[in-house]
Amino acid sequence: MIRTMALAALLVAGFTVNAAEEAAPKADPAKGKVLAESICVACHGVDGNSPTALYPHLAGQGEAYLIKQLQAFKSGARVDPVMTGMAATLVDDAAVRDVSAWYASQQAKPAVATNESLVARGKQLWRAGDAAKGVPACAGCHGPAGKGLPAQYPRLAGQHPEYTETQLKRFRLGERANDPEQMMRAISAKLSDADIKAVSEYAAGLR
């Protein structure tokens, strides 16, 4: 009797999971490519490798993270003079999912750190943090190779160092405030301009 009840419970649980998976909307990267070509290309490139340091590389970025950021731009939780307007042109959640899936599927082009004088300090902050300042290792959330964790923590490997530096300073000033539990605002407040520049340069060279 107990075995029969356990089997029934497993079957019900399996049915519930399968039904949830079937009900979950699926992204269409092909549609996302069309959106990228018509809306995003000038700043981020069709393949997500941005031609200018003003705008981030999106190629290989986590799909869930991209969705989260686009939704934040659309809701006003994250404000940017360019992206707030551009995100508004993605008319529904399906468009957000599709373009995010397209960029997540693209291959990020390798980058290199160009300022060797900053790499040593950047490496220290990335791998070990700075206990004296209360700064945790960046690798703890963004990974040793900078690939990030899907929904919360972005890929920083190969990112334009100028863009990473700008975002860290915006967190420090409170101009960007969509970080979970105010984590990045708290960490960046403990970093000097030199620290921010160093860790941004180091991240650019990660693979």
Protein backbone atom coordinates (compact mmCIF):
# COMPACT_ATOMS: atom_id res chain seq x y z
CA MET A 1 0.00 0.00 0.00
CA ILE A 2 2.77 2.41 0.97
CA ARG A 3 4.71 1.49 -2.17
CA THR A 4 1.61 2.12 -4.32
CA MET A 5 1.03 5.52 -2.70
CA ALA A 6 4.69 6.48 -3.20
CA LEU A 7 4.52 5.48 -6.87
CA ALA A 8 1.35 7.50 -7.32
CA ALA A 9 2.98 10.53 -5.70
CA LEU A 10 5.96 10.26 -8.04
CA LEU A 11 3.69 10.02 -11.06
CA VAL A 12 1.74 13.10 -9.97
CA ALA A 13 4.96 15.02 -9.30
CA GLY A 14 6.33 14.02 -12.68
CA PHE A 15 3.13 15.10 -14.39
CA THR A 16 3.25 18.46 -12.59
CA VAL A 17 6.85 19.11 -13.66
CA ASN A 18 6.15 18.10 -17.25
CA ALA A 19 3.05 20.27 -17.39
CA ALA A 20 5.02 23.23 -16.04
CA GLU A 21 7.75 22.68 -18.63
CA GLU A 22 5.18 22.51 -21.42
CA ALA A 23 3.42 25.63 -20.15
CA ALA A 24 6.64 27.65 -19.93
CA PRO A 25 6.92 29.92 -23.00
CA LYS A 26 9.87 29.14 -25.25
CA ALA A 27 12.07 31.74 -26.84
CA ASP A 28 12.64 31.84 -30.60
CA PRO A 29 16.21 32.95 -31.36
CA ALA A 30 15.38 33.32 -35.08
CA LYS A 31 12.80 35.97 -34.24
CA GLY A 32 15.33 37.45 -31.84
CA LYS A 33 17.82 37.83 -34.68
CA VAL A 34 15.29 39.87 -36.66
CA LEU A 35 14.80 42.15 -33.64
CA ALA A 36 18.57 42.45 -33.18
CA GLU A 37 18.98 43.41 -36.84
CA SER A 38 16.28 46.07 -36.67
CA ILE A 39 16.62 47.49 -33.14
CA CYS A 40 19.91 46.55 -31.46
CA VAL A 41 22.50 46.36 -34.23
CA ALA A 42 23.83 49.93 -34.10
CA CYS A 43 25.00 49.64 -30.49
CA HIS A 44 25.45 45.92 -29.84
CA GLY A 45 26.05 44.46 -33.30
CA VAL A 46 23.95 41.67 -34.80
CA ASP A 47 26.17 39.05 -33.15
CA GLY A 48 26.30 40.86 -29.80
CA ASN A 49 29.93 41.94 -30.06
CA SER A 50 29.58 45.67 -29.59
CA PRO A 51 31.77 47.80 -31.85
CA THR A 52 32.13 50.55 -29.24
CA ALA A 53 33.05 50.61 -25.56
CA LEU A 54 30.05 52.80 -24.80
CA TYR A 55 27.80 49.75 -25.11
CA PRO A 56 28.30 46.26 -23.68
CA HIS A 57 29.01 43.04 -25.50
CA LEU A 58 25.92 40.83 -25.26
CA ALA A 59 27.23 37.75 -27.06
CA GLY A 60 27.30 34.76 -24.74
CA GLN A 61 25.65 36.67 -21.90
CA GLY A 62 23.24 34.58 -19.82
CA GLU A 63 19.76 34.50 -21.35
CA ALA A 64 18.03 34.86 -17.98
CA TYR A 65 20.25 37.81 -17.08
CA LEU A 66 19.49 39.58 -20.37
CA ILE A 67 15.77 39.06 -19.84
CA LYS A 68 16.04 40.46 -16.33
CA GLN A 69 17.87 43.59 -17.50
CA LEU A 70 15.52 44.28 -20.40
CA GLN A 71 12.54 43.91 -18.08
CA ALA A 72 14.23 46.30 -15.65
CA PHE A 73 14.68 48.88 -18.41
CA LYS A 74 11.04 48.46 -19.43
CA SER A 75 9.74 48.79 -15.86
CA GLY A 76 12.00 51.69 -14.90
CA ALA A 77 13.88 49.66 -12.28
CA ARG A 78 17.02 50.39 -14.32
CA VAL A 79 17.24 53.75 -16.04
CA ASP A 80 19.42 54.59 -19.02
CA PRO A 81 18.77 57.41 -21.51
CA VAL A 82 19.29 55.09 -24.48
CA MET A 83 18.15 51.68 -23.28
CA THR A 84 14.96 52.84 -21.61
CA GLY A 85 13.63 53.95 -25.00
CA MET A 86 15.05 50.99 -26.93
CA ALA A 87 13.63 48.40 -24.52
CA ALA A 88 10.21 50.01 -24.88
CA THR A 89 10.20 48.99 -28.56
CA LEU A 90 10.19 45.33 -27.46
CA VAL A 91 6.43 45.25 -27.26
CA ASP A 92 5.89 42.14 -25.16
CA ASP A 93 7.58 39.47 -23.04
CA ALA A 94 7.98 37.22 -26.07
CA ALA A 95 10.11 39.83 -27.84
CA VAL A 96 12.26 40.23 -24.72
CA ARG A 97 12.77 36.46 -24.51
CA ASP A 98 13.50 36.09 -28.22
CA VAL A 99 16.17 38.78 -28.48
CA SER A 100 17.75 37.60 -25.23
CA ALA A 101 17.91 34.04 -26.52
CA TRP A 102 19.53 35.24 -29.77
CA TYR A 103 22.31 37.16 -28.07
CA ALA A 104 22.87 34.43 -25.47
CA SER A 105 23.43 31.95 -28.33
CA GLN A 106 26.14 34.03 -30.01
CA GLN A 107 29.86 33.55 -29.60
CA ALA A 108 31.73 36.22 -27.67
CA LYS A 109 34.93 37.32 -29.39
CA PRO A 110 38.05 36.92 -27.24
CA ALA A 111 39.46 40.09 -25.71
CA VAL A 112 42.72 40.91 -23.98
CA ALA A 113 43.70 43.14 -21.10
CA THR A 114 45.72 45.96 -22.62
CA ASN A 115 46.99 47.72 -19.50
CA GLU A 116 49.46 45.35 -17.87
CA SER A 117 50.12 47.75 -14.99
CA LEU A 118 46.56 47.19 -13.76
CA VAL A 119 46.37 43.43 -14.18
CA ALA A 120 48.08 42.42 -10.94
CA ARG A 121 45.71 44.43 -8.73
CA GLY A 122 42.73 43.36 -10.83
CA LYS A 123 43.73 39.71 -10.51
CA GLN A 124 43.98 40.06 -6.73
CA LEU A 125 40.52 41.60 -6.45
CA TRP A 126 39.00 39.07 -8.82
CA ARG A 127 40.45 35.97 -7.20
CA ALA A 128 40.79 36.93 -3.54
CA GLY A 129 39.09 40.27 -2.97
CA ASP A 130 40.52 42.65 -0.39
CA ALA A 131 39.86 41.57 3.20
CA ALA A 132 41.14 44.84 4.62
CA LYS A 133 38.45 46.73 2.71
CA GLY A 134 35.77 44.09 3.19
CA VAL A 135 35.67 43.37 -0.54
CA PRO A 136 34.83 39.76 -1.51
CA ALA A 137 36.40 38.03 -4.50
CA CYS A 138 34.60 38.87 -7.76
CA ALA A 139 35.02 35.23 -8.78
CA GLY A 140 32.64 34.20 -6.01
CA CYS A 141 29.66 35.42 -8.05
CA HIS A 142 31.00 35.94 -11.56
CA GLY A 143 33.08 32.76 -11.66
CA PRO A 144 36.84 32.22 -11.92
CA ALA A 145 36.68 32.65 -15.71
CA GLY A 146 34.15 35.49 -15.58
CA LYS A 147 31.28 33.52 -17.13
CA GLY A 148 28.78 34.58 -14.46
CA LEU A 149 25.77 32.73 -13.09
CA PRO A 150 22.63 32.62 -15.24
CA ALA A 151 20.01 34.95 -13.74
CA GLN A 152 21.74 37.15 -11.20
CA TYR A 153 25.38 37.59 -12.09
CA PRO A 154 26.47 38.60 -15.60
CA ARG A 155 29.29 37.35 -17.74
CA LEU A 156 32.12 39.89 -17.48
CA ALA A 157 34.82 37.99 -19.35
CA GLY A 158 35.80 39.92 -22.46
CA GLN A 159 33.56 42.86 -21.65
CA HIS A 160 34.73 46.32 -22.64
CA PRO A 161 36.69 47.50 -19.58
CA GLU A 162 35.34 51.02 -20.04
CA TYR A 163 31.78 49.72 -19.83
CA THR A 164 32.45 47.62 -16.71
CA GLU A 165 34.18 50.60 -15.10
CA THR A 166 31.22 52.87 -15.85
CA GLN A 167 28.73 50.41 -14.37
CA LEU A 168 30.74 49.94 -11.18
CA LYS A 169 30.91 53.68 -10.71
CA ARG A 170 27.17 53.97 -11.33
CA PHE A 171 26.56 51.35 -8.66
CA ARG A 172 28.85 53.26 -6.30
CA LEU A 173 26.92 56.47 -6.87
CA GLY A 174 23.57 54.73 -6.55
CA GLU A 175 22.67 55.69 -10.13
CA ARG A 176 22.19 52.01 -10.90
CA ALA A 177 20.10 50.27 -8.28
CA ASN A 178 18.73 47.01 -9.68
CA ASP A 179 21.30 44.77 -8.01
CA PRO A 180 19.92 41.98 -5.74
CA GLU A 181 20.15 42.87 -2.04
CA GLN A 182 22.13 46.01 -3.00
CA MET A 183 25.15 43.76 -3.34
CA MET A 184 26.99 45.67 -6.05
CA ARG A 185 26.25 49.03 -4.45
CA ALA A 186 27.76 47.82 -1.18
CA ILE A 187 30.85 46.33 -2.83
CA SER A 188 31.55 49.20 -5.22
CA ALA A 189 31.32 51.67 -2.34
CA LYS A 190 34.48 50.07 -0.95
CA LEU A 191 36.43 50.29 -4.21
CA SER A 192 38.63 53.19 -5.21
CA ASP A 193 38.70 54.50 -8.77
CA ALA A 194 42.01 52.66 -9.22
CA ASP A 195 40.51 49.40 -7.95
CA ILE A 196 37.54 49.72 -10.30
CA LYS A 197 39.77 50.38 -13.28
CA ALA A 198 42.05 47.46 -12.36
CA VAL A 199 39.32 44.86 -11.95
CA SER A 200 37.57 46.05 -15.12
CA GLU A 201 40.80 45.67 -17.07
CA TYR A 202 41.45 42.20 -15.65
CA ALA A 203 37.91 41.01 -16.45
CA ALA A 204 38.33 42.10 -20.07
CA GLY A 205 41.11 39.55 -20.52
CA LEU A 206 39.30 36.59 -18.96
CA ARG A 207 38.12 33.70 -21.14
